[in-house]
């Protein structure tokens, strides 16, 4: 049976369930009486949908509120224990795997370090090793939390590079800076894991998952147009706006900032990442005569550089002029890069995340903002707020775990039945229809 708009009754029921779940998730607890006007449904429709969701364990009572001249109204919320999601961050120095309940309480965490070998940076991202780390980490967090794989709504994964979809391979990763050329990551994970076939893998660019996390739960809430900068060993960005649906990752780190400039990890010359990524920043310090600590990972080395450039008051140590000069030059490069984002996208906000972004942002974000204002067009620059993300170093894993949750909502709280060959992943549709504010 079809509705006049071409949608079936089943479609309408799913949309009503989705509307109730999303409204309760972002704005709950709410009473049945408040739900109707909030989502545009009659009281009878709300009662029917809520009854279904309560019977399935997806919605539960959460206290009551007094009403004027009547009985107290029961409040409802999405049950945090009705499902779990896993978020994976394939980062520069480690792979982080986190298991969450529906309220994003962390149930378990596992980390798998990646090699920091200077002789072959691509070796740390050897595909079979990364796949094994992800699978072992998934098994570990499920075991630690005592959660059955059947309870999973899905596994979300944030990766460096461009993610393409289509065909039987599912998500294919083009990660030029890490040596990945059309890696069929989704198929490789599915071929050798022990998860039920109905548990989807949702794979996307790490900067985009960071942005989605900040939009739902962090500093991006309430914005219609924001750019999120992921600053780690390299740099990347994502744009989320009302015109771009679920958003778009942009290879911002590979904008040319100096013709015939420094060689970048991608193989070309003069990219922003060749000057502003943490790896390049440490290399430039070394080349200028600085002394980054040997045998440490990039996070430790960057901490040492900041301490050398800006020793704590009372330490009695002179600051490292070379380190300070390199950092000042980096702030200008980043400011010019921010100006490009302002001129191209005219965002309400530019928000900085990633382990290096959080370290450096607290030290010289004001300098970056000053350079961005100087390089950008005055009108859009005056309307853009630049700041730090608020979700910390876990933002990528939180955003990755949002992907299967969004798909669950898009299906009206139904678990996935068919994973392969879906033309448009359900989680992408749900991100386009987000209601977080």
Protein backbone atom coordinates (compact mmCIF):
# COMPACT_ATOMS: atom_id res chain seq x y z
CA UNK A 1 0.00 0.00 0.00
CA UNK A 2 1.39 3.40 -1.02
CA UNK A 3 0.77 6.89 0.30
CA UNK A 4 -0.06 9.61 -2.25
CA UNK A 5 3.49 10.97 -2.07
CA UNK A 6 4.84 7.63 -3.28
CA UNK A 7 5.98 6.57 0.17
CA UNK A 8 4.58 3.36 1.54
CA UNK A 9 2.89 2.99 4.91
CA UNK A 10 6.03 1.17 6.00
CA UNK A 11 8.09 4.21 5.01
CA UNK A 12 5.83 6.50 7.03
CA UNK A 13 6.04 4.26 10.09
CA UNK A 14 9.82 4.22 9.84
CA UNK A 15 9.96 8.00 9.49
CA UNK A 16 7.70 8.44 12.52
CA UNK A 17 9.88 6.10 14.58
CA UNK A 18 12.97 7.97 13.45
CA UNK A 19 11.44 11.32 14.39
CA UNK A 20 10.52 10.11 17.89
CA UNK A 21 13.90 8.49 18.52
CA UNK A 22 15.89 11.50 17.35
CA UNK A 23 13.80 13.98 19.29
CA UNK A 24 14.06 11.96 22.48
CA UNK A 25 17.77 11.41 21.94
CA UNK A 26 18.73 15.04 21.45
CA UNK A 27 16.06 16.85 23.48
CA UNK A 28 14.79 14.23 25.96
CA UNK A 29 13.53 13.30 28.38
CA UNK A 30 10.17 14.44 27.03
CA UNK A 31 6.56 13.56 27.72
CA UNK A 32 4.24 12.12 25.10
CA UNK A 33 2.32 15.40 25.14
CA UNK A 34 5.47 17.39 24.33
CA UNK A 35 6.59 14.99 21.61
CA UNK A 36 3.62 15.55 19.31
CA UNK A 37 4.08 19.29 18.62
CA UNK A 38 7.87 18.85 18.53
CA UNK A 39 7.76 16.41 15.60
CA UNK A 40 4.40 17.29 14.03
CA UNK A 41 2.51 14.08 14.86
CA UNK A 42 -0.92 13.59 16.39
CA UNK A 43 -1.20 12.36 19.96
CA UNK A 44 -2.54 9.04 18.69
CA UNK A 45 0.41 8.53 16.35
CA UNK A 46 2.86 9.42 19.11
CA UNK A 47 1.21 6.95 21.50
CA UNK A 48 1.37 4.15 18.93
CA UNK A 49 5.03 4.77 18.06
CA UNK A 50 6.06 5.13 21.68
CA UNK A 51 4.25 1.93 22.62
CA UNK A 52 6.20 0.05 19.92
CA UNK A 53 9.53 1.49 21.00
CA UNK A 54 8.89 0.80 24.69
CA UNK A 55 7.89 -2.79 23.90
CA UNK A 56 11.14 -3.24 21.97
CA UNK A 57 13.22 -1.82 24.83
CA UNK A 58 14.44 1.18 22.83
CA UNK A 59 12.58 3.77 24.89
CA UNK A 60 12.14 3.79 28.66
CA UNK A 61 10.51 5.91 31.34
CA UNK A 62 12.72 8.55 32.96
CA UNK A 63 10.69 10.01 35.81
CA UNK A 64 7.76 12.37 35.63
CA UNK A 65 6.92 16.05 35.60
CA UNK A 66 3.99 17.83 37.23
CA UNK A 67 1.22 19.08 35.00
CA UNK A 68 -1.20 21.92 35.62
CA UNK A 69 -4.41 20.55 37.10
CA UNK A 70 -3.79 16.94 36.16
CA UNK A 71 -1.75 13.84 36.79
CA UNK A 72 2.04 13.98 36.49
CA UNK A 73 3.26 13.32 32.96
CA UNK A 74 5.67 10.45 32.40
CA UNK A 75 8.95 11.43 30.78
CA UNK A 76 10.56 9.23 28.15
CA UNK A 77 14.11 8.78 26.90
CA UNK A 78 16.07 6.51 24.59
CA UNK A 79 17.39 3.63 26.67
CA UNK A 80 21.22 3.81 26.84
CA UNK A 81 21.43 0.03 27.27
CA UNK A 82 19.39 -0.82 24.17
CA UNK A 83 22.45 -1.07 21.93
CA UNK A 84 26.19 -0.43 21.58
CA UNK A 85 28.49 1.09 18.97
CA UNK A 86 32.21 0.84 18.36
CA UNK A 87 34.29 3.79 17.14
CA UNK A 88 37.76 3.31 15.66
CA UNK A 89 40.37 6.01 15.03
CA UNK A 90 43.15 4.97 12.65
CA UNK A 91 45.58 7.65 13.79
CA UNK A 92 49.22 8.52 13.22
CA UNK A 93 50.74 6.79 16.23
CA UNK A 94 48.05 4.38 17.34
CA UNK A 95 44.71 2.82 16.52
CA UNK A 96 42.13 3.61 19.21
CA UNK A 97 39.04 1.42 19.58
CA UNK A 98 36.20 2.42 21.93
CA UNK A 99 32.89 0.74 22.79
CA UNK A 100 29.98 3.00 23.75
CA UNK A 101 26.39 2.58 24.83
CA UNK A 102 23.68 4.68 23.19
CA UNK A 103 24.32 7.59 25.57
CA UNK A 104 28.01 7.51 24.58
CA UNK A 105 29.16 6.30 27.95
CA UNK A 106 32.46 4.54 27.31
CA UNK A 107 32.17 0.84 28.14
CA UNK A 108 35.68 -0.27 27.15
CA UNK A 109 38.75 0.95 25.28
CA UNK A 110 41.72 -0.65 23.54
CA UNK A 111 44.74 0.86 21.81
CA UNK A 112 47.18 -0.64 19.35
CA UNK A 113 50.42 1.33 18.83
CA UNK A 114 51.71 1.86 15.32
CA UNK A 115 55.41 1.85 14.46
CA UNK A 116 57.17 5.22 14.59
CA UNK A 117 59.99 4.04 12.33
CA UNK A 118 61.69 6.93 10.54
CA UNK A 119 63.09 4.59 7.87
CA UNK A 120 59.72 3.77 6.32
CA UNK A 121 56.73 5.80 7.49
CA UNK A 122 54.40 3.76 5.24
CA UNK A 123 55.36 0.57 7.11
CA UNK A 124 53.29 1.60 10.11
CA UNK A 125 50.17 1.51 7.92
CA UNK A 126 50.76 -1.93 6.40
CA UNK A 127 47.22 -2.90 5.45
CA UNK A 128 47.15 -6.42 6.91
CA UNK A 129 48.54 -5.08 10.21
CA UNK A 130 45.94 -2.31 10.45
CA UNK A 131 43.12 -4.77 9.69
CA UNK A 132 44.41 -7.16 12.36
CA UNK A 133 44.72 -4.36 14.93
CA UNK A 134 41.13 -3.25 14.29
CA UNK A 135 39.76 -6.78 14.55
CA UNK A 136 41.75 -7.60 17.69
CA UNK A 137 40.67 -4.32 19.28
CA UNK A 138 36.99 -4.98 18.52
CA UNK A 139 37.22 -8.43 20.11
CA UNK A 140 39.03 -6.98 23.13
CA UNK A 141 36.52 -4.23 23.94
CA UNK A 142 33.56 -6.57 23.52
CA UNK A 143 35.19 -9.09 25.85
CA UNK A 144 36.13 -6.47 28.47
CA UNK A 145 32.62 -5.05 28.59
CA UNK A 146 30.91 -8.44 28.37
CA UNK A 147 28.90 -7.25 25.37
CA UNK A 148 27.74 -9.73 22.76
CA UNK A 149 28.51 -8.89 19.13
CA UNK A 150 24.78 -9.34 18.45
CA UNK A 151 24.18 -6.18 20.51
CA UNK A 152 26.32 -4.03 18.21
CA UNK A 153 24.59 -1.48 16.01
CA UNK A 154 27.76 -1.23 13.97
CA UNK A 155 31.44 -0.32 13.82
CA UNK A 156 32.44 3.17 12.67
CA UNK A 157 35.99 3.82 11.50
CA UNK A 158 37.76 7.13 10.88
CA UNK A 159 40.69 6.86 8.45
CA UNK A 160 43.20 9.22 6.82
CA UNK A 161 42.51 9.80 3.14
CA UNK A 162 39.62 9.86 0.69
CA UNK A 163 36.87 7.25 1.09
CA UNK A 164 35.03 6.09 -2.03
CA UNK A 165 31.99 3.79 -2.02
CA UNK A 166 30.32 1.52 -4.51
CA UNK A 167 30.37 -2.05 -5.73
CA UNK A 168 30.92 -5.16 -3.72
CA UNK A 169 34.06 -3.87 -2.01
CA UNK A 170 32.09 -1.28 -0.05
CA UNK A 171 34.28 1.52 1.34
CA UNK A 172 37.62 1.87 -0.46
CA UNK A 173 40.33 4.11 1.03
CA UNK A 174 42.67 6.24 -1.07
CA UNK A 175 45.32 7.34 1.43
CA UNK A 176 48.17 8.75 -0.60
CA UNK A 177 50.13 10.05 2.40
CA UNK A 178 50.12 6.63 4.09
CA UNK A 179 50.73 4.54 0.99
CA UNK A 180 47.17 3.24 0.58
CA UNK A 181 46.10 3.02 -3.06
CA UNK A 182 42.44 1.96 -3.35
CA UNK A 183 42.51 -0.27 -0.27
CA UNK A 184 39.18 -2.19 0.00
CA UNK A 185 39.13 -1.79 3.79
CA UNK A 186 35.48 -2.74 4.30
CA UNK A 187 35.81 -5.97 2.33
CA UNK A 188 39.06 -6.91 4.10
CA UNK A 189 37.48 -6.41 7.51
CA UNK A 190 34.36 -8.32 6.54
CA UNK A 191 36.25 -11.25 5.03
CA UNK A 192 38.22 -12.14 8.12
CA UNK A 193 36.19 -11.07 11.14
CA UNK A 194 33.77 -12.89 13.40
CA UNK A 195 31.02 -10.25 13.62
CA UNK A 196 27.51 -11.15 12.45
CA UNK A 197 26.90 -10.18 8.79
CA UNK A 198 24.20 -7.73 9.90
CA UNK A 199 26.71 -5.60 11.85
CA UNK A 200 27.68 -2.82 9.42
CA UNK A 201 31.08 -1.22 9.00
CA UNK A 202 30.74 2.54 8.44
CA UNK A 203 34.02 4.02 7.19
CA UNK A 204 34.76 7.70 6.61
CA UNK A 205 37.52 10.28 6.70
CA UNK A 206 38.79 11.01 10.22
CA UNK A 207 38.41 14.78 9.90
CA UNK A 208 34.79 14.26 8.93
CA UNK A 209 34.06 11.99 11.90
CA UNK A 210 35.67 14.56 14.19
CA UNK A 211 33.43 17.23 12.72
CA UNK A 212 30.32 15.10 13.12
CA UNK A 213 31.15 14.50 16.79
CA UNK A 214 31.60 18.22 17.45
CA UNK A 215 28.34 18.98 15.61
CA UNK A 216 26.34 16.51 17.68
CA UNK A 217 27.93 16.90 21.09
CA UNK A 218 30.63 19.58 21.07
CA UNK A 219 31.57 23.07 19.96
CA UNK A 220 29.72 22.77 16.64
CA UNK A 221 26.24 22.45 18.18
CA UNK A 222 23.87 25.08 16.83
CA UNK A 223 25.98 25.92 13.77
CA UNK A 224 24.56 25.57 10.27
CA UNK A 225 27.95 25.92 8.59
CA UNK A 226 31.23 24.95 10.25
CA UNK A 227 34.71 23.80 9.26
CA UNK A 228 36.58 21.31 11.45
CA UNK A 229 40.36 21.10 11.27
CA UNK A 230 42.05 17.85 12.26
CA UNK A 231 45.65 18.66 13.10
CA UNK A 232 47.95 15.73 13.81
CA UNK A 233 50.98 14.36 11.99
CA UNK A 234 49.36 15.90 8.92
CA UNK A 235 46.40 18.24 8.57
CA UNK A 236 42.92 17.75 7.19
CA UNK A 237 39.51 19.37 7.37
CA UNK A 238 35.83 18.74 6.89
CA UNK A 239 32.97 21.06 6.06
CA UNK A 240 29.50 20.48 7.44
CA UNK A 241 26.73 22.80 6.28
CA UNK A 242 23.06 22.87 5.43
CA UNK A 243 24.07 22.83 1.75
CA UNK A 244 26.34 19.79 2.03
CA UNK A 245 24.03 17.29 3.71
CA UNK A 246 26.16 15.04 5.91
CA UNK A 247 29.26 17.10 5.15
CA UNK A 248 32.37 16.71 3.07
CA UNK A 249 36.00 16.03 3.90
CA UNK A 250 38.38 18.34 2.06
CA UNK A 251 42.07 17.73 1.42
CA UNK A 252 42.94 21.09 2.95
CA UNK A 253 46.42 19.93 3.91
CA UNK A 254 47.29 19.62 0.23
CA UNK A 255 46.50 23.15 -0.83
CA UNK A 256 49.67 24.67 -2.29
CA UNK A 257 51.01 27.43 -0.04
CA UNK A 258 54.43 27.78 -1.70
CA UNK A 259 55.18 27.00 -5.34
CA UNK A 260 58.13 24.58 -5.61
CA UNK A 261 58.23 24.49 -1.81
CA UNK A 262 59.05 21.69 0.63
CA UNK A 263 58.30 18.14 -0.40
CA UNK A 264 55.08 16.85 1.15
CA UNK A 265 54.26 13.33 2.32
CA UNK A 266 51.87 13.05 -0.63
CA UNK A 267 54.81 13.31 -3.05
CA UNK A 268 54.27 16.81 -4.41
CA UNK A 269 55.76 20.11 -3.21
CA UNK A 270 54.59 23.18 -1.33
CA UNK A 271 51.52 21.72 0.43
CA UNK A 272 50.29 23.26 3.66
CA UNK A 273 50.91 19.89 5.34
CA UNK A 274 54.61 20.14 4.42
CA UNK A 275 54.84 23.19 6.69
CA UNK A 276 52.08 22.88 9.28
CA UNK A 277 51.68 19.18 10.07
CA UNK A 278 53.33 18.01 13.29
CA UNK A 279 55.70 15.75 11.37
CA UNK A 280 56.84 18.60 9.13
CA UNK A 281 56.99 21.02 12.06
CA UNK A 282 59.43 18.75 13.90
CA UNK A 283 61.47 18.23 10.73
CA UNK A 284 61.74 21.99 10.24
CA UNK A 285 62.88 22.44 13.84
CA UNK A 286 65.58 19.84 13.27
CA UNK A 287 66.66 21.36 9.96
CA UNK A 288 66.94 24.80 11.58
CA UNK A 289 69.34 23.47 14.20
CA UNK A 290 66.90 22.34 16.90
CA UNK A 291 67.19 19.09 18.78
CA UNK A 292 63.93 17.08 18.89
CA UNK A 293 64.25 14.15 21.33
CA UNK A 294 65.32 10.97 19.59
CA UNK A 295 63.48 7.67 19.91
CA UNK A 296 60.13 9.21 20.87
CA UNK A 297 56.80 9.44 19.08
CA UNK A 298 55.57 12.66 17.52
CA UNK A 299 53.27 13.56 20.42
CA UNK A 300 56.13 13.40 22.91
CA UNK A 301 58.47 15.28 20.57
CA UNK A 302 55.93 18.06 19.97
CA UNK A 303 55.41 18.44 23.73
CA UNK A 304 59.19 18.80 24.08
CA UNK A 305 59.28 21.44 21.33
CA UNK A 306 56.59 23.51 23.02
CA UNK A 307 58.38 23.21 26.36
CA UNK A 308 61.64 24.34 24.73
CA UNK A 309 59.98 27.31 23.01
CA UNK A 310 57.93 28.31 26.04
CA UNK A 311 59.57 27.00 29.25
CA UNK A 312 57.32 27.27 32.31
CA UNK A 313 57.75 30.41 34.44
CA UNK A 314 60.30 29.94 37.17
CA UNK A 315 62.03 27.05 35.39
CA UNK A 316 65.19 29.09 35.05
CA UNK A 317 65.77 27.90 31.48
CA UNK A 318 66.12 30.17 28.43
CA UNK A 319 63.63 29.60 25.67
CA UNK A 320 64.72 27.95 22.43
CA UNK A 321 64.78 30.74 19.84
CA UNK A 322 64.83 28.26 16.94
CA UNK A 323 61.77 26.39 18.19
CA UNK A 324 59.93 29.63 18.83
CA UNK A 325 60.72 30.95 15.35
CA UNK A 326 59.53 27.73 13.67
CA UNK A 327 56.30 27.81 15.67
CA UNK A 328 55.73 31.48 14.78
CA UNK A 329 56.20 30.72 11.08
CA UNK A 330 53.84 27.73 11.40
CA UNK A 331 51.18 29.99 12.93
CA UNK A 332 51.37 32.19 9.84
CA UNK A 333 51.07 29.24 7.47
CA UNK A 334 48.07 27.98 9.39
CA UNK A 335 46.55 31.45 9.42
CA UNK A 336 46.87 31.63 5.64
CA UNK A 337 45.29 28.19 5.40
CA UNK A 338 42.41 29.29 7.65
CA UNK A 339 41.94 32.34 5.42
CA UNK A 340 41.49 30.01 2.44
CA UNK A 341 38.78 28.12 4.36
CA UNK A 342 37.07 31.40 5.29
CA UNK A 343 37.12 32.70 1.72
CA UNK A 344 35.98 29.40 0.20
CA UNK A 345 33.26 28.33 2.65
CA UNK A 346 32.39 31.44 4.71
CA UNK A 347 31.76 29.31 7.82
CA UNK A 348 30.22 30.44 11.07
CA UNK A 349 32.96 28.58 12.94
CA UNK A 350 36.35 27.01 12.37
CA UNK A 351 37.08 24.50 15.12
CA UNK A 352 40.45 22.88 15.72
CA UNK A 353 40.89 19.30 16.98
CA UNK A 354 43.34 16.44 16.83
CA UNK A 355 46.15 15.76 19.28
CA UNK A 356 48.51 18.33 17.74
CA UNK A 357 45.76 20.91 17.30
CA UNK A 358 44.82 20.69 20.97
CA UNK A 359 48.47 20.99 22.05
CA UNK A 360 49.33 23.88 19.77
CA UNK A 361 45.97 25.62 19.87
CA UNK A 362 46.20 26.48 23.53
CA UNK A 363 49.58 28.11 22.87
CA UNK A 364 49.20 30.15 19.67
CA UNK A 365 45.63 29.97 18.39
CA UNK A 366 45.35 33.74 18.87
CA UNK A 367 48.32 34.23 16.54
CA UNK A 368 46.72 31.94 13.94
CA UNK A 369 43.48 33.91 14.17
CA UNK A 370 45.34 37.21 13.68
CA UNK A 371 47.06 35.91 10.55
CA UNK A 372 43.78 34.46 9.23
CA UNK A 373 42.09 37.84 9.64
CA UNK A 374 44.94 39.56 7.82
CA UNK A 375 44.85 37.16 4.85
CA UNK A 376 41.07 36.63 4.51
CA UNK A 377 38.43 38.87 3.00
CA UNK A 378 37.14 41.24 5.68
CA UNK A 379 33.42 40.47 5.47
CA UNK A 380 33.51 36.66 5.88
CA UNK A 381 36.41 36.88 8.35
CA UNK A 382 34.38 39.16 10.62
CA UNK A 383 31.58 36.56 10.70
CA UNK A 384 33.78 33.53 11.47
CA UNK A 385 34.59 32.41 15.01
CA UNK A 386 37.81 30.40 15.38
CA UNK A 387 38.21 28.14 18.41
CA UNK A 388 39.13 24.73 19.78
CA UNK A 389 36.91 21.66 19.73
CA UNK A 390 35.62 20.58 23.11
CA UNK A 391 35.61 16.78 22.84
CA UNK A 392 39.35 16.24 23.23
CA UNK A 393 41.48 13.54 21.60
CA UNK A 394 38.56 11.05 21.54
CA UNK A 395 36.54 13.15 19.09
CA UNK A 396 37.39 10.96 16.08
CA UNK A 397 36.28 7.75 17.80
CA UNK A 398 33.10 9.40 19.07
CA UNK A 399 32.33 10.67 15.57
CA UNK A 400 33.08 7.26 14.08
CA UNK A 401 30.65 5.62 16.52
CA UNK A 402 28.00 8.16 15.52
CA UNK A 403 27.95 6.67 12.01
CA UNK A 404 26.26 3.36 12.91
CA UNK A 405 24.01 5.11 15.44
CA UNK A 406 22.81 7.49 12.73
CA UNK A 407 22.05 4.50 10.51
CA UNK A 408 20.09 2.89 13.33
CA UNK A 409 18.01 6.05 13.68
CA UNK A 410 17.50 6.29 9.91
CA UNK A 411 16.03 2.79 9.95
CA UNK A 412 13.60 3.79 12.69
CA UNK A 413 15.46 1.82 15.37
CA UNK A 414 15.69 -1.35 13.27
CA UNK A 415 18.94 -3.24 13.05
CA UNK A 416 20.62 -3.58 9.68
CA UNK A 417 19.49 -6.55 7.60
CA UNK A 418 21.52 -6.14 4.42
CA UNK A 419 24.96 -4.56 4.56
CA UNK A 420 26.44 -5.17 1.11
CA UNK A 421 25.52 -3.34 -2.08
CA UNK A 422 23.42 -0.64 -0.39
CA UNK A 423 23.46 2.30 -2.83
CA UNK A 424 23.40 4.97 -0.08
CA UNK A 425 24.45 3.95 3.45
CA UNK A 426 21.63 4.62 5.90
CA UNK A 427 23.93 6.44 8.31
CA UNK A 428 24.66 9.07 5.65
CA UNK A 429 20.96 9.78 5.25
CA UNK A 430 20.57 10.14 9.01
CA UNK A 431 23.47 12.57 9.27
CA UNK A 432 21.82 14.73 6.64
CA UNK A 433 18.66 14.78 8.74
CA UNK A 434 20.34 15.43 12.09
CA UNK A 435 18.34 17.44 14.61
CA UNK A 436 21.09 18.28 17.10
CA UNK A 437 21.17 21.93 18.04
